[in-house]
């Protein structure tokens, strides 16, 4: 019997941001494999096995020469199709087998998308809708975080935003007034949660009770009372888009939202117990305020680094395994979206294993 699959292969995974590929290659461990990404002189991007087949040197430390990738150890050069095309040693003969695995790599809206499975199955229609990253009606900022846990734990975290009432009460949701445990529990009890499906896309929708504008919204929505709704959509196997809208007043849908804060949350496994978290957030208010761009992303990163990641890491440590369901966890009503996402992921892995 082969090794247990840790994640679906026939899925798009975020490998990085477009701006990370300059005139040098980028080496990154993705899905348990060291992969090198590079952009040639025509601007075309490619993803290859990041180990040189000669002495297994890390090609991410190499150089881009025209449309070729040069190994930093002995100068062998590889084309975007993975074939070694230049050997500076001896007679220059290229040994048999001097070829690297090629991964389908797609660049769209400033995101580099890697396909780890069968190339013929790589369908761009499966990508999430993140057009707001390049929409002139929005101002967007990207970031990156490392998560010390299995990739499914931050997905669980994002699909149940009620945790924010407790974990982020003084940061993302802070109003400047400390709330008691009883007040936090009351706020959670007034939050309405819906789960909707569109094919294999899971929508976790939270309707938060009206209240004073908090966190980032306090600066951007000119109202004493704000009503918010958040729709977190999970796209198999690990990409999430959050549509977070706020209305001035106490009624959702009373005209267009006063503020739209769409964001992307792309979780890519690095190993069984570590993950890459590519995050971006955009807004449709004060889009020319450069200082607000920094404030917006700093708030998100600070909350995750100081609150989410330590909590997720603590859960991973105490679980002692990456198989959450094997521990028979207690399931709450608000876990429904996360459980659906896990079931779909497991089905994808089973289907690939049978094939």
Protein backbone atom coordinates (compact mmCIF):
# COMPACT_ATOMS: atom_id res chain seq x y z
CA UNK A 1 0.00 0.00 0.00
CA UNK A 2 1.34 3.45 -0.89
CA UNK A 3 1.82 6.36 1.49
CA UNK A 4 -1.28 8.20 2.67
CA UNK A 5 -2.10 11.23 0.51
CA UNK A 6 -1.95 14.40 2.58
CA UNK A 7 -3.77 16.70 0.15
CA UNK A 8 -5.49 16.54 -3.24
CA UNK A 9 -3.14 16.92 -6.19
CA UNK A 10 -5.72 17.82 -8.83
CA UNK A 11 -6.26 21.29 -7.46
CA UNK A 12 -4.86 24.79 -7.90
CA UNK A 13 -2.56 26.00 -5.13
CA UNK A 14 -1.19 29.49 -4.68
CA UNK A 15 2.58 29.34 -5.18
CA UNK A 16 3.21 33.03 -4.59
CA UNK A 17 2.53 36.57 -5.75
CA UNK A 18 3.51 37.75 -9.23
CA UNK A 19 5.68 40.52 -7.81
CA UNK A 20 7.89 37.92 -6.12
CA UNK A 21 9.22 36.82 -9.52
CA UNK A 22 11.72 39.45 -10.59
CA UNK A 23 14.94 38.72 -12.50
CA UNK A 24 15.85 35.89 -10.13
CA UNK A 25 14.21 32.49 -9.59
CA UNK A 26 12.17 31.69 -6.50
CA UNK A 27 12.64 28.40 -4.68
CA UNK A 28 9.82 27.35 -2.37
CA UNK A 29 8.70 24.13 -0.70
CA UNK A 30 5.14 23.47 -1.82
CA UNK A 31 3.07 20.33 -1.18
CA UNK A 32 6.10 18.61 0.29
CA UNK A 33 8.28 19.28 -2.79
CA UNK A 34 10.99 21.86 -3.39
CA UNK A 35 9.86 23.72 -6.52
CA UNK A 36 11.53 26.55 -8.43
CA UNK A 37 9.54 29.30 -10.13
CA UNK A 38 11.02 31.69 -12.67
CA UNK A 39 10.06 34.25 -15.27
CA UNK A 40 11.92 34.33 -18.62
CA UNK A 41 12.84 37.41 -20.63
CA UNK A 42 9.47 37.33 -22.44
CA UNK A 43 7.67 37.41 -19.10
CA UNK A 44 6.46 33.80 -19.27
CA UNK A 45 6.41 31.98 -15.92
CA UNK A 46 7.40 28.37 -15.33
CA UNK A 47 7.51 25.96 -12.39
CA UNK A 48 9.99 23.08 -12.28
CA UNK A 49 11.30 20.51 -9.85
CA UNK A 50 13.69 22.66 -7.83
CA UNK A 51 16.47 20.06 -7.50
CA UNK A 52 19.11 19.83 -10.20
CA UNK A 53 19.24 16.16 -11.35
CA UNK A 54 23.06 16.28 -11.33
CA UNK A 55 23.84 16.87 -7.63
CA UNK A 56 20.42 17.98 -6.43
CA UNK A 57 21.48 21.58 -5.93
CA UNK A 58 18.67 24.07 -5.09
CA UNK A 59 17.83 25.77 -8.38
CA UNK A 60 16.13 28.58 -6.49
CA UNK A 61 19.64 29.88 -5.81
CA UNK A 62 20.45 29.93 -9.53
CA UNK A 63 20.02 32.61 -12.17
CA UNK A 64 17.74 33.33 -15.10
CA UNK A 65 19.69 33.69 -18.35
CA UNK A 66 17.36 34.80 -21.12
CA UNK A 67 14.73 32.09 -21.27
CA UNK A 68 16.76 29.51 -19.32
CA UNK A 69 17.35 28.67 -15.68
CA UNK A 70 20.99 28.12 -14.67
CA UNK A 71 22.03 25.84 -11.82
CA UNK A 72 24.17 27.69 -9.23
CA UNK A 73 26.43 24.67 -8.63
CA UNK A 74 27.75 23.58 -12.05
CA UNK A 75 26.06 25.94 -14.51
CA UNK A 76 23.73 23.49 -16.25
CA UNK A 77 20.88 25.35 -17.94
CA UNK A 78 17.24 24.27 -18.23
CA UNK A 79 14.44 25.51 -20.48
CA UNK A 80 10.89 26.13 -19.32
CA UNK A 81 9.88 22.64 -20.49
CA UNK A 82 12.33 21.14 -17.99
CA UNK A 83 14.86 19.93 -20.57
CA UNK A 84 18.55 20.60 -19.93
CA UNK A 85 19.73 22.55 -22.99
CA UNK A 86 23.27 23.53 -22.02
CA UNK A 87 26.16 21.70 -20.36
CA UNK A 88 29.33 23.82 -20.01
CA UNK A 89 31.53 20.81 -19.13
CA UNK A 90 33.59 18.47 -21.28
CA UNK A 91 32.20 18.01 -24.78
CA UNK A 92 28.93 19.62 -23.74
CA UNK A 93 27.02 16.36 -24.12
CA UNK A 94 23.71 16.38 -22.26
CA UNK A 95 23.28 13.08 -20.40
CA UNK A 96 20.10 11.08 -20.78
CA UNK A 97 17.56 11.86 -18.11
CA UNK A 98 18.74 15.43 -17.65
CA UNK A 99 15.17 16.74 -17.42
CA UNK A 100 13.12 18.30 -14.65
CA UNK A 101 9.47 17.71 -13.85
CA UNK A 102 7.27 20.58 -15.09
CA UNK A 103 4.28 21.82 -13.10
CA UNK A 104 1.49 23.75 -14.82
CA UNK A 105 1.80 27.36 -13.62
CA UNK A 106 -0.78 30.04 -14.34
CA UNK A 107 -0.48 33.75 -13.62
CA UNK A 108 -3.72 35.67 -13.04
CA UNK A 109 -4.62 38.84 -11.13
CA UNK A 110 -1.16 39.00 -9.61
CA UNK A 111 -1.32 35.41 -8.30
CA UNK A 112 0.89 32.47 -9.32
CA UNK A 113 -1.20 29.28 -9.45
CA UNK A 114 0.45 25.86 -9.34
CA UNK A 115 -1.23 22.61 -10.40
CA UNK A 116 0.26 19.54 -8.73
CA UNK A 117 -1.77 16.81 -10.41
CA UNK A 118 -2.43 15.55 -13.94
CA UNK A 119 -1.62 18.42 -16.35
CA UNK A 120 -4.59 17.68 -18.60
CA UNK A 121 -6.95 18.27 -15.66
CA UNK A 122 -5.68 21.80 -14.95
CA UNK A 123 -8.83 23.82 -15.64
CA UNK A 124 -8.61 27.63 -15.03
CA UNK A 125 -12.39 27.66 -14.49
CA UNK A 126 -11.70 26.07 -11.09
CA UNK A 127 -9.87 29.18 -9.85
CA UNK A 128 -11.56 31.46 -7.31
CA UNK A 129 -12.83 34.88 -8.36
CA UNK A 130 -10.27 37.38 -7.02
CA UNK A 131 -10.72 40.07 -9.69
CA UNK A 132 -10.85 42.77 -7.00
CA UNK A 133 -7.08 42.42 -6.62
CA UNK A 134 -6.69 44.33 -9.91
CA UNK A 135 -10.02 46.18 -10.05
CA UNK A 136 -9.44 49.97 -10.21
CA UNK A 137 -12.50 50.44 -7.99
CA UNK A 138 -10.57 48.85 -5.11
CA UNK A 139 -7.25 49.36 -3.38
CA UNK A 140 -5.59 46.03 -2.59
CA UNK A 141 -2.53 45.01 -0.58
CA UNK A 142 -0.93 41.53 -0.43
CA UNK A 143 0.97 39.78 2.34
CA UNK A 144 2.41 36.46 3.45
CA UNK A 145 2.46 34.45 6.67
CA UNK A 146 3.81 31.09 7.78
CA UNK A 147 1.49 28.79 9.72
CA UNK A 148 2.95 26.05 11.91
CA UNK A 149 0.14 23.56 11.45
CA UNK A 150 -1.50 21.25 8.97
CA UNK A 151 -3.16 23.26 6.21
CA UNK A 152 -6.69 22.22 7.19
CA UNK A 153 -6.57 23.92 10.59
CA UNK A 154 -6.36 27.51 9.26
CA UNK A 155 -9.13 26.59 6.80
CA UNK A 156 -11.30 25.49 9.76
CA UNK A 157 -10.42 28.77 11.45
CA UNK A 158 -11.49 30.87 8.46
CA UNK A 159 -14.74 29.02 7.80
CA UNK A 160 -16.01 29.80 11.30
CA UNK A 161 -15.61 33.54 11.81
CA UNK A 162 -17.42 33.46 15.15
CA UNK A 163 -14.02 32.81 16.71
CA UNK A 164 -13.23 36.47 15.99
CA UNK A 165 -15.68 37.62 18.68
CA UNK A 166 -13.47 35.97 21.28
CA UNK A 167 -10.00 35.84 19.75
CA UNK A 168 -9.97 39.26 18.06
CA UNK A 169 -12.16 41.28 20.42
CA UNK A 170 -9.29 43.69 21.14
CA UNK A 171 -7.75 43.83 17.66
CA UNK A 172 -9.77 43.36 14.47
CA UNK A 173 -13.08 43.89 16.28
CA UNK A 174 -11.81 46.26 18.94
CA UNK A 175 -13.97 49.29 19.76
CA UNK A 176 -11.61 50.63 22.38
CA UNK A 177 -13.82 49.24 25.16
CA UNK A 178 -12.99 45.96 26.85
CA UNK A 179 -15.86 43.48 26.93
CA UNK A 180 -16.55 40.87 29.56
CA UNK A 181 -16.81 37.16 28.82
CA UNK A 182 -20.58 37.46 29.25
CA UNK A 183 -20.77 40.29 26.70
CA UNK A 184 -18.70 38.30 24.21
CA UNK A 185 -20.92 35.25 24.67
CA UNK A 186 -24.02 37.41 24.13
CA UNK A 187 -22.57 38.80 20.88
CA UNK A 188 -21.83 35.26 19.67
CA UNK A 189 -25.37 34.12 20.49
CA UNK A 190 -26.78 36.92 18.30
CA UNK A 191 -24.67 36.01 15.27
CA UNK A 192 -26.61 34.17 12.57
CA UNK A 193 -24.79 31.57 10.47
CA UNK A 194 -25.76 30.07 7.11
CA UNK A 195 -24.03 27.49 4.94
CA UNK A 196 -24.66 27.32 1.21
CA UNK A 197 -23.21 25.13 -1.52
CA UNK A 198 -22.47 25.91 -5.17
CA UNK A 199 -21.12 22.70 -6.61
CA UNK A 200 -18.13 21.92 -4.40
CA UNK A 201 -17.72 25.55 -3.31
CA UNK A 202 -18.77 26.00 0.33
CA UNK A 203 -20.10 29.38 1.50
CA UNK A 204 -19.98 30.14 5.22
CA UNK A 205 -22.11 33.25 5.75
CA UNK A 206 -22.15 35.18 9.03
CA UNK A 207 -24.65 37.93 9.86
CA UNK A 208 -23.23 39.86 12.79
CA UNK A 209 -25.51 41.87 15.10
CA UNK A 210 -25.65 45.65 14.63
CA UNK A 211 -23.27 47.58 16.83
CA UNK A 212 -20.75 50.42 16.96
CA UNK A 213 -18.27 50.42 14.09
CA UNK A 214 -15.14 48.56 15.17
CA UNK A 215 -11.58 48.02 14.02
CA UNK A 216 -10.92 49.10 10.43
CA UNK A 217 -14.60 49.87 9.83
CA UNK A 218 -14.57 52.53 12.52
CA UNK A 219 -12.29 54.67 10.34
CA UNK A 220 -14.04 53.98 7.03
CA UNK A 221 -17.78 53.97 7.79
CA UNK A 222 -19.16 57.34 9.00
CA UNK A 223 -21.86 55.93 11.27
CA UNK A 224 -22.38 55.26 14.97
CA UNK A 225 -24.13 52.00 14.14
CA UNK A 226 -22.90 49.44 11.60
CA UNK A 227 -24.35 46.16 10.38
CA UNK A 228 -21.99 43.62 8.78
CA UNK A 229 -22.23 40.43 6.75
CA UNK A 230 -19.35 38.14 5.79
CA UNK A 231 -19.43 35.43 3.14
CA UNK A 232 -16.38 33.16 3.31
CA UNK A 233 -16.26 30.96 0.21
CA UNK A 234 -14.01 27.89 0.18
CA UNK A 235 -12.79 26.63 -3.19
CA UNK A 236 -11.28 23.13 -3.19
CA UNK A 237 -8.82 22.34 -1.97
CA UNK A 238 -7.50 25.26 0.08
CA UNK A 239 -8.43 28.66 -1.33
CA UNK A 240 -10.84 31.05 0.37
CA UNK A 241 -12.40 34.35 -0.67
CA UNK A 242 -14.05 36.54 1.96
CA UNK A 243 -16.66 39.10 0.90
CA UNK A 244 -17.14 41.33 3.95
CA UNK A 245 -19.70 44.13 3.61
CA UNK A 246 -20.81 46.82 6.06
CA UNK A 247 -23.92 49.00 6.03
CA UNK A 248 -24.37 52.20 7.99
CA UNK A 249 -27.30 51.69 10.34
CA UNK A 250 -28.85 48.51 11.68
CA UNK A 251 -30.13 46.72 8.59
CA UNK A 252 -28.26 44.48 6.15
CA UNK A 253 -29.10 45.18 2.53
CA UNK A 254 -30.48 48.67 3.13
CA UNK A 255 -29.02 49.95 -0.11
CA UNK A 256 -25.46 49.34 -1.36
CA UNK A 257 -22.86 48.56 1.34
CA UNK A 258 -21.11 51.63 2.74
CA UNK A 259 -17.90 49.58 2.78
CA UNK A 260 -16.72 46.48 0.95
CA UNK A 261 -13.65 44.66 2.27
CA UNK A 262 -13.02 41.62 0.03
CA UNK A 263 -10.00 39.51 0.89
CA UNK A 264 -8.20 36.37 -0.24
CA UNK A 265 -6.89 33.64 2.03
CA UNK A 266 -4.88 31.09 0.06
CA UNK A 267 -3.53 28.28 2.23
CA UNK A 268 -0.90 26.11 0.53
CA UNK A 269 0.61 23.11 2.33
CA UNK A 270 4.36 23.26 2.77
CA UNK A 271 4.63 20.01 4.71
CA UNK A 272 2.26 17.90 6.78
CA UNK A 273 2.60 20.31 9.71
CA UNK A 274 3.48 23.66 8.10
CA UNK A 275 1.60 25.86 5.64
CA UNK A 276 1.98 28.97 3.52
CA UNK A 277 -0.69 31.62 4.02
CA UNK A 278 -0.98 34.09 1.13
CA UNK A 279 -3.33 36.87 2.22
CA UNK A 280 -4.64 39.99 0.48
CA UNK A 281 -7.26 42.55 1.44
CA UNK A 282 -8.95 45.27 -0.59
CA UNK A 283 -11.38 48.11 0.07
CA UNK A 284 -13.63 50.37 -1.98
CA UNK A 285 -13.39 53.43 0.30
CA UNK A 286 -10.51 55.96 0.38
CA UNK A 287 -8.74 53.91 -2.27
CA UNK A 288 -6.07 56.60 -2.87
CA UNK A 289 -5.01 56.76 0.77
CA UNK A 290 -1.59 55.08 0.80
CA UNK A 291 -1.34 55.25 4.57
CA UNK A 292 -4.63 53.37 4.88
CA UNK A 293 -3.22 50.63 2.63
CA UNK A 294 -0.52 49.98 5.18
CA UNK A 295 -2.89 50.28 8.14
CA UNK A 296 -5.28 47.80 6.54
CA UNK A 297 -2.71 45.07 5.95
CA UNK A 298 -0.84 45.71 9.23
CA UNK A 299 -4.07 45.15 11.15
CA UNK A 300 -4.73 41.84 9.42
CA UNK A 301 -1.16 40.56 9.79
CA UNK A 302 -0.88 41.63 13.42
CA UNK A 303 -4.10 39.85 14.36
CA UNK A 304 -3.07 36.63 12.66
CA UNK A 305 0.53 36.65 13.89
CA UNK A 306 -0.34 37.49 17.49
CA UNK A 307 -3.69 35.73 17.86
CA UNK A 308 -4.70 33.25 15.13
CA UNK A 309 -1.37 31.54 14.44
CA UNK A 310 -0.44 30.93 18.10
CA UNK A 311 -3.92 29.49 18.73
CA UNK A 312 -3.83 27.26 15.63
CA UNK A 313 -0.29 26.12 16.50
CA UNK A 314 -1.41 25.37 20.05
CA UNK A 315 -4.28 23.25 18.72
CA UNK A 316 -1.90 21.37 16.42
CA UNK A 317 0.54 20.70 19.26
CA UNK A 318 -2.14 19.36 21.60
CA UNK A 319 -3.77 17.25 18.88
CA UNK A 320 -0.59 15.23 18.42
CA UNK A 321 -1.72 14.31 14.91
CA UNK A 322 -2.81 16.00 11.69
CA UNK A 323 -5.91 13.81 11.47
CA UNK A 324 -8.47 15.88 13.37
CA UNK A 325 -11.40 13.55 12.76
CA UNK A 326 -9.50 10.58 14.18
CA UNK A 327 -9.69 12.34 17.56
CA UNK A 328 -13.51 12.42 17.36
CA UNK A 329 -13.85 16.15 18.10
CA UNK A 330 -17.09 17.60 19.43
CA UNK A 331 -18.91 19.27 16.53
CA UNK A 332 -20.80 22.57 16.90
CA UNK A 333 -23.46 23.90 14.54
CA UNK A 334 -21.02 26.58 13.36
CA UNK A 335 -18.56 23.84 12.28
CA UNK A 336 -20.81 22.74 9.44
CA UNK A 337 -18.93 24.58 6.68
CA UNK A 338 -15.55 23.31 7.85
CA UNK A 339 -16.83 19.73 8.05
CA UNK A 340 -18.24 19.97 4.51
CA UNK A 341 -14.88 21.27 3.23
CA UNK A 342 -13.06 18.41 4.95
CA UNK A 343 -15.45 15.83 3.48
CA UNK A 344 -14.99 17.20 -0.03
CA UNK A 345 -11.20 17.22 0.42
CA UNK A 346 -11.27 13.60 1.64
CA UNK A 347 -13.42 12.62 -1.34
CA UNK A 348 -10.97 14.26 -3.75
CA UNK A 349 -8.07 12.34 -2.18
CA UNK A 350 -10.00 9.04 -2.32
CA UNK A 351 -10.90 9.60 -5.98
CA UNK A 352 -7.26 10.29 -6.88
CA UNK A 353 -6.10 7.25 -4.93
CA UNK A 354 -8.53 4.97 -6.80
CA UNK A 355 -7.45 6.40 -10.13
